[in-house]
Amino acid sequence: MQTRVLGETGHESTIMTFGAIALNWLEQDGANQMVEHVLDYGVNHFDVAPTYGDAELKLGPKLRQHRDEIFLGCKTQEREYEGARHKIEQSLTRLGVEKIDLYQIHGLEYEEELDTITEEGGALDAFREARDEGKIDHLGLTSHGAPKLILDAIDRIDDLETVMFPLNPVVCATSADHNYEAVLERATEKGIGTLVIKAFADGSWPLTDELPETDRPFANWYEPVATPDEIRERFDFAASRGPTSVVNAGDPKLVSMTLNAATRYDGMNEATQRSLIEQSRHNTSPVPEQLHH
């Protein structure tokens, strides 16, 4: 599988990042098998979070066994020092490791959150302290909020090394509202690694009363594309826009198809990309405010 340098971290991340939320819906044996399966394809960048059910615990055994092969990303939704410090220690314990390679502000959505995170006594103080102690190597940010907010964060956080954000044909077609391409461009200019989520989003799920969450065929926040050809097309599209790496959709049933797409990736020409964007111009955006990654 191809690799790309993750900004100024210097890490050569595979063009697919394993979103370990997929482990949450598996028993431990199945989780172990999935991690081995992902590693067999050469994936070396994993991403997990304490809000992903028991995914940290499910990842732990194989993570410890293969620690040298995995660049580990984790994150927190805590915005103040005490809460963030607690979550860092909790994740280290649950994962059973001494260090997290990339620790990220998780799901930034509002300007006031950014103010809290960056001021004295904010979460960044905890991140930097843990980095000084050798418990974290690199600092990052994830968001599906307004692109301008991510751009503000890039301007305000001098030691920010990665950003994670949505990118797919629907987003590109509605760039006035969801101009994540500007985030990609700014981050690349500043040597910040770029991780793409929601590459496989087809749209929002029908309203809950039409399709209860328990009846959804996939355990995703959004309705995903789900055939091998569609997944390969979406992977090729996202990877061709130039990010460091593309995160798989969260449902475990979709992981193997994404691994196959990532292994076979050989680019997508601009005409095909433009055609996909045009086809998506009237789709519902798969990044509505209520969705979380």
C-alpha atoms as a PDB file:
ATOM      1  CA  MET A   1       0.000   0.000   0.000  1.00  0.00           C
ATOM      2  CA  GLN A   2       1.273   3.463  -0.857  1.00  0.00           C
ATOM      3  CA  THR A   3       2.450   5.791   1.897  1.00  0.00           C
ATOM      4  CA  ARG A   4       2.572   9.578   2.181  1.00  0.00           C
ATOM      5  CA  VAL A   5       4.456  11.721   4.666  1.00  0.00           C
ATOM      6  CA  LEU A   6       2.173  12.911   7.473  1.00  0.00           C
ATOM      7  CA  GLY A   7       3.212  16.555   7.363  1.00  0.00           C
ATOM      8  CA  GLU A   8       6.112  17.534   9.567  1.00  0.00           C
ATOM      9  CA  THR A   9       5.619  14.538  11.854  1.00  0.00           C
ATOM     10  CA  GLY A  10       7.822  12.754   9.320  1.00  0.00           C
ATOM     11  CA  HIS A  11       5.761   9.565   9.652  1.00  0.00           C
ATOM     12  CA  GLU A  12       5.108   7.696   6.413  1.00  0.00           C
ATOM     13  CA  SER A  13       1.409   6.952   6.837  1.00  0.00           C
ATOM     14  CA  THR A  14      -0.351   4.477   4.576  1.00  0.00           C
ATOM     15  CA  ILE A  15      -2.944   6.091   2.301  1.00  0.00           C
ATOM     16  CA  MET A  16      -5.600   4.271   4.321  1.00  0.00           C
ATOM     17  CA  THR A  17      -5.903   4.896   8.052  1.00  0.00           C
ATOM     18  CA  PHE A  18      -7.724   2.227  10.054  1.00  0.00           C
ATOM     19  CA  GLY A  19     -10.645   3.807  11.887  1.00  0.00           C
ATOM     20  CA  ALA A  20     -10.735   1.462  14.876  1.00  0.00           C
ATOM     21  CA  ILE A  21     -14.320   2.399  15.749  1.00  0.00           C
ATOM     22  CA  ALA A  22     -15.072  -0.667  13.586  1.00  0.00           C
ATOM     23  CA  LEU A  23     -13.827  -2.864  16.452  1.00  0.00           C
ATOM     24  CA  ASN A  24     -16.612  -1.659  18.733  1.00  0.00           C
ATOM     25  CA  TRP A  25     -19.170  -3.944  17.048  1.00  0.00           C
ATOM     26  CA  LEU A  26     -17.026  -7.087  17.230  1.00  0.00           C
ATOM     27  CA  GLU A  27     -16.278  -9.573  19.987  1.00  0.00           C
ATOM     28  CA  GLN A  28     -12.642  -9.674  21.113  1.00  0.00           C
ATOM     29  CA  ASP A  29     -11.717 -12.613  18.852  1.00  0.00           C
ATOM     30  CA  GLY A  30     -13.236 -10.852  15.860  1.00  0.00           C
ATOM     31  CA  ALA A  31     -11.467  -7.617  16.793  1.00  0.00           C
ATOM     32  CA  ASN A  32      -8.133  -9.450  16.993  1.00  0.00           C
ATOM     33  CA  GLN A  33      -8.731 -10.970  13.569  1.00  0.00           C
ATOM     34  CA  MET A  34      -9.662  -7.607  12.062  1.00  0.00           C
ATOM     35  CA  VAL A  35      -6.524  -5.911  13.374  1.00  0.00           C
ATOM     36  CA  GLU A  36      -4.392  -8.726  11.950  1.00  0.00           C
ATOM     37  CA  HIS A  37      -6.294  -8.459   8.659  1.00  0.00           C
ATOM     38  CA  VAL A  38      -5.651  -4.711   8.465  1.00  0.00           C
ATOM     39  CA  LEU A  39      -1.966  -5.193   9.301  1.00  0.00           C
ATOM     40  CA  ASP A  40      -1.690  -7.904   6.629  1.00  0.00           C
ATOM     41  CA  TYR A  41      -2.601  -5.243   4.074  1.00  0.00           C
ATOM     42  CA  GLY A  42       0.230  -3.078   5.374  1.00  0.00           C
ATOM     43  CA  VAL A  43      -1.870  -0.355   7.056  1.00  0.00           C
ATOM     44  CA  ASN A  44       0.330   1.400   9.619  1.00  0.00           C
ATOM     45  CA  HIS A  45      -1.831   4.307  10.873  1.00  0.00           C
ATOM     46  CA  PHE A  46      -4.668   3.549  13.325  1.00  0.00           C
ATOM     47  CA  ASP A  47      -7.188   5.989  14.821  1.00  0.00           C
ATOM     48  CA  VAL A  48      -9.306   5.383  17.923  1.00  0.00           C
ATOM     49  CA  ALA A  49     -11.155   7.374  20.599  1.00  0.00           C
ATOM     50  CA  PRO A  50     -12.641   6.846  24.061  1.00  0.00           C
ATOM     51  CA  THR A  51     -16.083   7.731  22.652  1.00  0.00           C
ATOM     52  CA  TYR A  52     -15.978   4.709  20.304  1.00  0.00           C
ATOM     53  CA  GLY A  53     -17.605   2.339  22.783  1.00  0.00           C
ATOM     54  CA  ASP A  54     -15.028  -0.226  23.877  1.00  0.00           C
ATOM     55  CA  ALA A  55     -12.870   0.074  20.733  1.00  0.00           C
ATOM     56  CA  GLU A  56      -9.815   1.082  22.789  1.00  0.00           C
ATOM     57  CA  LEU A  57     -10.111  -2.082  24.887  1.00  0.00           C
ATOM     58  CA  LYS A  58     -10.716  -4.236  21.788  1.00  0.00           C
ATOM     59  CA  LEU A  59      -7.684  -2.725  20.036  1.00  0.00           C
ATOM     60  CA  GLY A  60      -5.394  -3.119  23.039  1.00  0.00           C
ATOM     61  CA  PRO A  61      -4.201  -6.754  22.770  1.00  0.00           C
ATOM     62  CA  LYS A  62      -3.087  -6.634  19.130  1.00  0.00           C
ATOM     63  CA  LEU A  63      -1.857  -3.050  19.459  1.00  0.00           C
ATOM     64  CA  ARG A  64       0.522  -4.139  22.209  1.00  0.00           C
ATOM     65  CA  GLN A  65       1.616  -7.173  20.200  1.00  0.00           C
ATOM     66  CA  HIS A  66       2.343  -5.071  17.088  1.00  0.00           C
ATOM     67  CA  ARG A  67       3.184  -1.735  18.720  1.00  0.00           C
ATOM     68  CA  ASP A  68       6.199  -1.016  16.480  1.00  0.00           C
ATOM     69  CA  GLU A  69       4.081  -1.459  13.327  1.00  0.00           C
ATOM     70  CA  ILE A  70       1.305   0.966  14.311  1.00  0.00           C
ATOM     71  CA  PHE A  71       1.277   4.766  14.358  1.00  0.00           C
ATOM     72  CA  LEU A  72      -1.446   5.314  16.946  1.00  0.00           C
ATOM     73  CA  GLY A  73      -3.865   8.233  16.854  1.00  0.00           C
ATOM     74  CA  CYS A  74      -6.256   8.888  19.741  1.00  0.00           C
ATOM     75  CA  LYS A  75      -8.326  11.930  20.753  1.00  0.00           C
ATOM     76  CA  THR A  76     -10.504  13.618  23.336  1.00  0.00           C
ATOM     77  CA  GLN A  77     -13.675  15.696  23.371  1.00  0.00           C
ATOM     78  CA  GLU A  78     -12.594  17.327  26.634  1.00  0.00           C
ATOM     79  CA  ARG A  79     -11.898  21.046  26.212  1.00  0.00           C
ATOM     80  CA  GLU A  80     -10.269  21.940  29.542  1.00  0.00           C
ATOM     81  CA  TYR A  81      -6.993  20.871  31.158  1.00  0.00           C
ATOM     82  CA  GLU A  82      -8.274  18.549  33.901  1.00  0.00           C
ATOM     83  CA  GLY A  83     -10.669  16.613  31.681  1.00  0.00           C
ATOM     84  CA  ALA A  84      -8.141  16.256  28.868  1.00  0.00           C
ATOM     85  CA  ARG A  85      -5.394  15.120  31.235  1.00  0.00           C
ATOM     86  CA  HIS A  86      -7.726  12.469  32.660  1.00  0.00           C
ATOM     87  CA  LYS A  87      -8.690  11.219  29.183  1.00  0.00           C
ATOM     88  CA  ILE A  88      -5.050  10.926  28.088  1.00  0.00           C
ATOM     89  CA  GLU A  89      -4.243   8.766  31.121  1.00  0.00           C
ATOM     90  CA  GLN A  90      -7.448   6.757  30.700  1.00  0.00           C
ATOM     91  CA  SER A  91      -6.690   5.985  27.042  1.00  0.00           C
ATOM     92  CA  LEU A  92      -3.108   4.989  27.825  1.00  0.00           C
ATOM     93  CA  THR A  93      -4.467   2.585  30.452  1.00  0.00           C
ATOM     94  CA  ARG A  94      -7.265   1.170  28.293  1.00  0.00           C
ATOM     95  CA  LEU A  95      -4.951   0.692  25.319  1.00  0.00           C
ATOM     96  CA  GLY A  96      -2.195  -0.656  27.557  1.00  0.00           C
ATOM     97  CA  VAL A  97       0.578   1.417  26.008  1.00  0.00           C
ATOM     98  CA  GLU A  98       3.071   3.976  27.310  1.00  0.00           C
ATOM     99  CA  LYS A  99       2.724   6.502  24.502  1.00  0.00           C
ATOM    100  CA  ILE A 100       0.206   7.740  21.922  1.00  0.00           C
ATOM    101  CA  ASP A 101       1.840   8.853  18.680  1.00  0.00           C
ATOM    102  CA  LEU A 102      -0.813  11.425  17.721  1.00  0.00           C
ATOM    103  CA  TYR A 103      -3.264  12.954  20.188  1.00  0.00           C
ATOM    104  CA  GLN A 104      -6.082  15.036  18.741  1.00  0.00           C
ATOM    105  CA  ILE A 105      -8.733  17.527  19.775  1.00  0.00           C
ATOM    106  CA  HIS A 106     -11.832  15.513  18.825  1.00  0.00           C
ATOM    107  CA  GLY A 107     -14.799  16.949  16.950  1.00  0.00           C
ATOM    108  CA  LEU A 108     -14.205  20.698  17.155  1.00  0.00           C
ATOM    109  CA  GLU A 109     -17.494  22.430  16.254  1.00  0.00           C
ATOM    110  CA  TYR A 110     -17.715  25.894  17.817  1.00  0.00           C
ATOM    111  CA  GLU A 111     -15.510  28.977  18.046  1.00  0.00           C
ATOM    112  CA  GLU A 112     -16.011  29.173  21.818  1.00  0.00           C
ATOM    113  CA  GLU A 113     -14.631  25.628  22.116  1.00  0.00           C
ATOM    114  CA  LEU A 114     -11.496  26.740  20.301  1.00  0.00           C
ATOM    115  CA  ASP A 115     -11.202  29.658  22.721  1.00  0.00           C
ATOM    116  CA  THR A 116     -11.427  27.304  25.721  1.00  0.00           C
ATOM    117  CA  ILE A 117      -8.960  24.796  24.273  1.00  0.00           C
ATOM    118  CA  THR A 118      -6.314  27.392  23.466  1.00  0.00           C
ATOM    119  CA  GLU A 119      -6.525  29.608  26.573  1.00  0.00           C
ATOM    120  CA  GLU A 120      -4.653  29.004  29.823  1.00  0.00           C
ATOM    121  CA  GLY A 121      -6.126  25.980  31.580  1.00  0.00           C
ATOM    122  CA  GLY A 122      -7.393  24.594  28.281  1.00  0.00           C
ATOM    123  CA  ALA A 123      -6.969  21.118  26.807  1.00  0.00           C
ATOM    124  CA  LEU A 124      -3.850  22.121  24.872  1.00  0.00           C
ATOM    125  CA  ASP A 125      -2.027  22.673  28.154  1.00  0.00           C
ATOM    126  CA  ALA A 126      -2.684  19.020  29.005  1.00  0.00           C
ATOM    127  CA  PHE A 127      -1.592  17.888  25.531  1.00  0.00           C
ATOM    128  CA  ARG A 128       1.686  19.817  25.751  1.00  0.00           C
ATOM    129  CA  GLU A 129       2.385  18.643  29.280  1.00  0.00           C
ATOM    130  CA  ALA A 130       1.853  15.017  28.244  1.00  0.00           C
ATOM    131  CA  ARG A 131       4.103  15.591  25.239  1.00  0.00           C
ATOM    132  CA  ASP A 132       6.836  16.951  27.516  1.00  0.00           C
ATOM    133  CA  GLU A 133       6.461  13.795  29.626  1.00  0.00           C
ATOM    134  CA  GLY A 134       6.858  11.535  26.572  1.00  0.00           C
ATOM    135  CA  LYS A 135       3.266  10.259  26.684  1.00  0.00           C
ATOM    136  CA  ILE A 136       2.304  11.947  23.375  1.00  0.00           C
ATOM    137  CA  ASP A 137       4.460  12.613  20.320  1.00  0.00           C
ATOM    138  CA  HIS A 138       2.318  14.829  18.068  1.00  0.00           C
ATOM    139  CA  LEU A 139      -0.735  17.103  18.367  1.00  0.00           C
ATOM    140  CA  GLY A 140      -3.713  17.102  16.000  1.00  0.00           C
ATOM    141  CA  LEU A 141      -7.307  18.216  15.509  1.00  0.00           C
ATOM    142  CA  THR A 142     -10.429  16.583  14.083  1.00  0.00           C
ATOM    143  CA  SER A 143     -13.547  18.445  12.972  1.00  0.00           C
ATOM    144  CA  HIS A 144     -16.617  18.128  10.787  1.00  0.00           C
ATOM    145  CA  GLY A 145     -17.638  21.655  11.733  1.00  0.00           C
ATOM    146  CA  ALA A 146     -17.270  24.786   9.632  1.00  0.00           C
ATOM    147  CA  PRO A 147     -14.069  24.771   7.556  1.00  0.00           C
ATOM    148  CA  LYS A 148     -13.376  28.349   8.684  1.00  0.00           C
ATOM    149  CA  LEU A 149     -13.125  27.060  12.253  1.00  0.00           C
ATOM    150  CA  ILE A 150     -10.423  24.575  11.230  1.00  0.00           C
ATOM    151  CA  LEU A 151      -8.568  27.344   9.402  1.00  0.00           C
ATOM    152  CA  ASP A 152      -8.778  29.476  12.559  1.00  0.00           C
ATOM    153  CA  ALA A 153      -7.382  26.592  14.601  1.00  0.00           C
ATOM    154  CA  ILE A 154      -4.483  26.193  12.161  1.00  0.00           C
ATOM    155  CA  ASP A 155      -3.708  29.907  12.606  1.00  0.00           C
ATOM    156  CA  ARG A 156      -4.017  29.828  16.394  1.00  0.00           C
ATOM    157  CA  ILE A 157      -2.245  26.563  17.306  1.00  0.00           C
ATOM    158  CA  ASP A 158       1.418  26.865  16.349  1.00  0.00           C
ATOM    159  CA  ASP A 159       2.306  23.254  17.146  1.00  0.00           C
ATOM    160  CA  LEU A 160      -0.669  21.662  15.347  1.00  0.00           C
ATOM    161  CA  GLU A 161       0.689  18.810  13.203  1.00  0.00           C
ATOM    162  CA  THR A 162      -2.389  17.096  11.719  1.00  0.00           C
ATOM    163  CA  VAL A 163      -6.004  17.890  10.859  1.00  0.00           C
ATOM    164  CA  MET A 164      -8.825  15.414  10.155  1.00  0.00           C
ATOM    165  CA  PHE A 165     -11.893  16.596   8.206  1.00  0.00           C
ATOM    166  CA  PRO A 166     -14.576  15.431   5.730  1.00  0.00           C
ATOM    167  CA  LEU A 167     -13.879  15.241   2.008  1.00  0.00           C
ATOM    168  CA  ASN A 168     -16.058  13.630  -0.657  1.00  0.00           C
ATOM    169  CA  PRO A 169     -17.756  14.624  -3.941  1.00  0.00           C
ATOM    170  CA  VAL A 170     -20.831  16.000  -2.143  1.00  0.00           C
ATOM    171  CA  VAL A 171     -18.699  18.276   0.024  1.00  0.00           C
ATOM    172  CA  CYS A 172     -16.746  19.436  -3.026  1.00  0.00           C
ATOM    173  CA  ALA A 173     -20.013  20.150  -4.875  1.00  0.00           C
ATOM    174  CA  THR A 174     -21.292  22.356  -2.026  1.00  0.00           C
ATOM    175  CA  SER A 175     -17.996  24.107  -1.438  1.00  0.00           C
ATOM    176  CA  ALA A 176     -19.654  27.406  -0.507  1.00  0.00           C
ATOM    177  CA  ASP A 177     -20.854  25.788   2.733  1.00  0.00           C
ATOM    178  CA  HIS A 178     -18.297  23.022   3.118  1.00  0.00           C
ATOM    179  CA  ASN A 179     -15.047  24.324   1.638  1.00  0.00           C
ATOM    180  CA  TYR A 180     -12.788  21.686   3.129  1.00  0.00           C
ATOM    181  CA  GLU A 181     -10.609  21.974   0.028  1.00  0.00           C
ATOM    182  CA  ALA A 182      -9.404  25.270   1.515  1.00  0.00           C
ATOM    183  CA  VAL A 183      -8.455  23.386   4.685  1.00  0.00           C
ATOM    184  CA  LEU A 184      -6.546  20.825   2.651  1.00  0.00           C
ATOM    185  CA  GLU A 185      -4.717  23.565   0.797  1.00  0.00           C
ATOM    186  CA  ARG A 186      -3.810  25.605   3.896  1.00  0.00           C
ATOM    187  CA  ALA A 187      -2.722  22.546   5.865  1.00  0.00           C
ATOM    188  CA  THR A 188      -0.537  21.329   3.008  1.00  0.00           C
ATOM    189  CA  GLU A 189       1.075  24.766   2.695  1.00  0.00           C
ATOM    190  CA  LYS A 190       1.928  24.744   6.401  1.00  0.00           C
ATOM    191  CA  GLY A 191       3.290  21.176   6.459  1.00  0.00           C
ATOM    192  CA  ILE A 192       0.335  19.834   8.449  1.00  0.00           C
ATOM    193  CA  GLY A 193      -0.693  16.225   7.824  1.00  0.00           C
ATOM    194  CA  THR A 194      -4.213  15.740   6.439  1.00  0.00           C
ATOM    195  CA  LEU A 195      -6.572  12.869   7.293  1.00  0.00           C
ATOM    196  CA  VAL A 196      -9.883  12.502   5.463  1.00  0.00           C
ATOM    197  CA  ILE A 197     -13.126  11.240   7.006  1.00  0.00           C
ATOM    198  CA  LYS A 198     -16.560  10.670   5.436  1.00  0.00           C
ATOM    199  CA  ALA A 199     -15.027   9.847   2.053  1.00  0.00           C
ATOM    200  CA  PHE A 200     -17.655   7.089   1.756  1.00  0.00           C
ATOM    201  CA  ALA A 201     -20.690   9.105   2.872  1.00  0.00           C
ATOM    202  CA  ASP A 202     -23.615   8.943   0.469  1.00  0.00           C
ATOM    203  CA  GLY A 203     -25.898  11.195   2.495  1.00  0.00           C
ATOM    204  CA  SER A 204     -27.751  11.479   5.772  1.00  0.00           C
ATOM    205  CA  TRP A 205     -29.828   8.582   7.063  1.00  0.00           C
ATOM    206  CA  PRO A 206     -33.602   9.033   6.684  1.00  0.00           C
ATOM    207  CA  LEU A 207     -35.170  10.685   9.711  1.00  0.00           C
ATOM    208  CA  THR A 208     -35.282   8.438  12.772  1.00  0.00           C
ATOM    209  CA  ASP A 209     -39.051   7.828  12.585  1.00  0.00           C
ATOM    210  CA  GLU A 210     -38.615   6.558   9.006  1.00  0.00           C
ATOM    211  CA  LEU A 211     -35.596   4.371   9.769  1.00  0.00           C
ATOM    212  CA  PRO A 212     -34.838   3.759  13.442  1.00  0.00           C
ATOM    213  CA  GLU A 213     -31.146   3.546  14.278  1.00  0.00           C
ATOM    214  CA  THR A 214     -31.542  -0.115  15.203  1.00  0.00           C
ATOM    215  CA  ASP A 215     -32.796  -0.876  11.664  1.00  0.00           C
ATOM    216  CA  ARG A 216     -29.912   0.748   9.814  1.00  0.00           C
ATOM    217  CA  PRO A 217     -27.907  -1.761   7.763  1.00  0.00           C
ATOM    218  CA  PHE A 218     -24.600  -0.103   8.689  1.00  0.00           C
ATOM    219  CA  ALA A 219     -23.270   1.236  11.989  1.00  0.00           C
ATOM    220  CA  ASN A 220     -22.264   4.600  10.536  1.00  0.00           C
ATOM    221  CA  TRP A 221     -23.342   8.116  11.482  1.00  0.00           C
ATOM    222  CA  TYR A 222     -24.191   8.597   7.802  1.00  0.00           C
ATOM    223  CA  GLU A 223     -25.478   6.348   5.025  1.00  0.00           C
ATOM    224  CA  PRO A 224     -22.385   4.974   3.262  1.00  0.00           C
ATOM    225  CA  VAL A 225     -21.761   3.754  -0.247  1.00  0.00           C
ATOM    226  CA  ALA A 226     -21.492   0.005   0.134  1.00  0.00           C
ATOM    227  CA  THR A 227     -20.423  -1.810  -3.052  1.00  0.00           C
ATOM    228  CA  PRO A 228     -16.792  -2.564  -3.948  1.00  0.00           C
ATOM    229  CA  ASP A 229     -16.946  -0.353  -7.050  1.00  0.00           C
ATOM    230  CA  GLU A 230     -18.504   2.595  -5.192  1.00  0.00           C
ATOM    231  CA  ILE A 231     -16.016   2.308  -2.344  1.00  0.00           C
ATOM    232  CA  ARG A 232     -13.099   2.154  -4.748  1.00  0.00           C
ATOM    233  CA  GLU A 233     -14.435   5.170  -6.655  1.00  0.00           C
ATOM    234  CA  ARG A 234     -14.826   7.169  -3.443  1.00  0.00           C
ATOM    235  CA  PHE A 235     -11.410   6.117  -2.150  1.00  0.00           C
ATOM    236  CA  ASP A 236      -9.758   7.052  -5.437  1.00  0.00           C
ATOM    237  CA  PHE A 237     -11.542  10.400  -5.431  1.00  0.00           C
ATOM    238  CA  ALA A 238     -10.507  11.311  -1.899  1.00  0.00           C
ATOM    239  CA  ALA A 239      -6.911  10.102  -2.211  1.00  0.00           C
ATOM    240  CA  SER A 240      -6.512  11.933  -5.521  1.00  0.00           C
ATOM    241  CA  ARG A 241      -7.334  15.272  -3.881  1.00  0.00           C
ATOM    242  CA  GLY A 242      -3.966  15.017  -2.118  1.00  0.00           C
ATOM    243  CA  PRO A 243      -4.497  14.290   1.590  1.00  0.00           C
ATOM    244  CA  THR A 244      -2.058  12.157   3.520  1.00  0.00           C
ATOM    245  CA  SER A 245      -4.523   9.358   4.283  1.00  0.00           C
ATOM    246  CA  VAL A 246      -8.192   8.327   4.051  1.00  0.00           C
ATOM    247  CA  VAL A 247     -10.006   6.796   7.039  1.00  0.00           C
ATOM    248  CA  ASN A 248     -12.329   3.837   6.371  1.00  0.00           C
ATOM    249  CA  ALA A 249     -16.057   4.023   7.120  1.00  0.00           C
ATOM    250  CA  GLY A 250     -16.824   2.822  10.637  1.00  0.00           C
ATOM    251  CA  ASP A 251     -18.859  -0.317   9.953  1.00  0.00           C
ATOM    252  CA  PRO A 252     -16.716  -3.483  10.139  1.00  0.00           C
ATOM    253  CA  LYS A 253     -18.516  -4.939   7.092  1.00  0.00           C
ATOM    254  CA  LEU A 254     -16.961  -2.222   4.901  1.00  0.00           C
ATOM    255  CA  VAL A 255     -13.337  -2.537   6.042  1.00  0.00           C
ATOM    256  CA  SER A 256     -12.194  -5.282   3.650  1.00  0.00           C
ATOM    257  CA  MET A 257     -13.593  -3.461   0.609  1.00  0.00           C
ATOM    258  CA  THR A 258     -11.762  -0.315   1.692  1.00  0.00           C
ATOM    259  CA  LEU A 259      -8.507  -2.231   2.178  1.00  0.00           C
ATOM    260  CA  ASN A 260      -8.855  -3.615  -1.356  1.00  0.00           C
ATOM    261  CA  ALA A 261      -9.529  -0.147  -2.748  1.00  0.00           C
ATOM    262  CA  ALA A 262      -6.517   1.320  -0.939  1.00  0.00           C
ATOM    263  CA  THR A 263      -4.237  -1.454  -2.163  1.00  0.00           C
ATOM    264  CA  ARG A 264      -5.347  -0.953  -5.773  1.00  0.00           C
ATOM    265  CA  TYR A 265      -5.233   2.847  -5.685  1.00  0.00           C
ATOM    266  CA  ASP A 266      -3.540   4.339  -8.747  1.00  0.00           C
ATOM    267  CA  GLY A 267      -5.069   7.813  -8.892  1.00  0.00           C
ATOM    268  CA  MET A 268      -8.123   9.356 -10.543  1.00  0.00           C
ATOM    269  CA  ASN A 269      -7.899  11.829 -13.405  1.00  0.00           C
ATOM    270  CA  GLU A 270      -9.302  15.336 -13.024  1.00  0.00           C
ATOM    271  CA  ALA A 271     -12.089  14.819 -15.555  1.00  0.00           C
ATOM    272  CA  THR A 272     -13.442  11.852 -13.566  1.00  0.00           C
ATOM    273  CA  GLN A 273     -13.178  13.833 -10.335  1.00  0.00           C
ATOM    274  CA  ARG A 274     -15.100  16.741 -11.875  1.00  0.00           C
ATOM    275  CA  SER A 275     -17.758  14.362 -13.166  1.00  0.00           C
ATOM    276  CA  LEU A 276     -18.289  12.890  -9.695  1.00  0.00           C
ATOM    277  CA  ILE A 277     -18.584  16.369  -8.202  1.00  0.00           C
ATOM    278  CA  GLU A 278     -21.169  17.357 -10.828  1.00  0.00           C
ATOM    279  CA  GLN A 279     -23.195  14.194 -10.174  1.00  0.00           C
ATOM    280  CA  SER A 280     -23.241  15.078  -6.460  1.00  0.00           C
ATOM    281  CA  ARG A 281     -24.289  18.699  -6.855  1.00  0.00           C
ATOM    282  CA  HIS A 282     -27.883  18.127  -5.739  1.00  0.00           C
ATOM    283  CA  ASN A 283     -27.207  15.494  -3.079  1.00  0.00           C
ATOM    284  CA  THR A 284     -27.926  16.149   0.562  1.00  0.00           C
ATOM    285  CA  SER A 285     -24.679  16.987   2.270  1.00  0.00           C
ATOM    286  CA  PRO A 286     -23.374  14.047   4.334  1.00  0.00           C
ATOM    287  CA  VAL A 287     -21.926  16.506   6.848  1.00  0.00           C
ATOM    288  CA  PRO A 288     -25.035  17.854   8.605  1.00  0.00           C
ATOM    289  CA  GLU A 289     -24.441  19.550  11.917  1.00  0.00           C
ATOM    290  CA  GLN A 290     -25.788  16.681  14.034  1.00  0.00           C
ATOM    291  CA  LEU A 291     -23.403  14.082  12.659  1.00  0.00           C
ATOM    292  CA  HIS A 292     -20.254  13.060  14.507  1.00  0.00           C
ATOM    293  CA  HIS A 293     -17.276  10.930  13.457  1.00  0.00           C
END
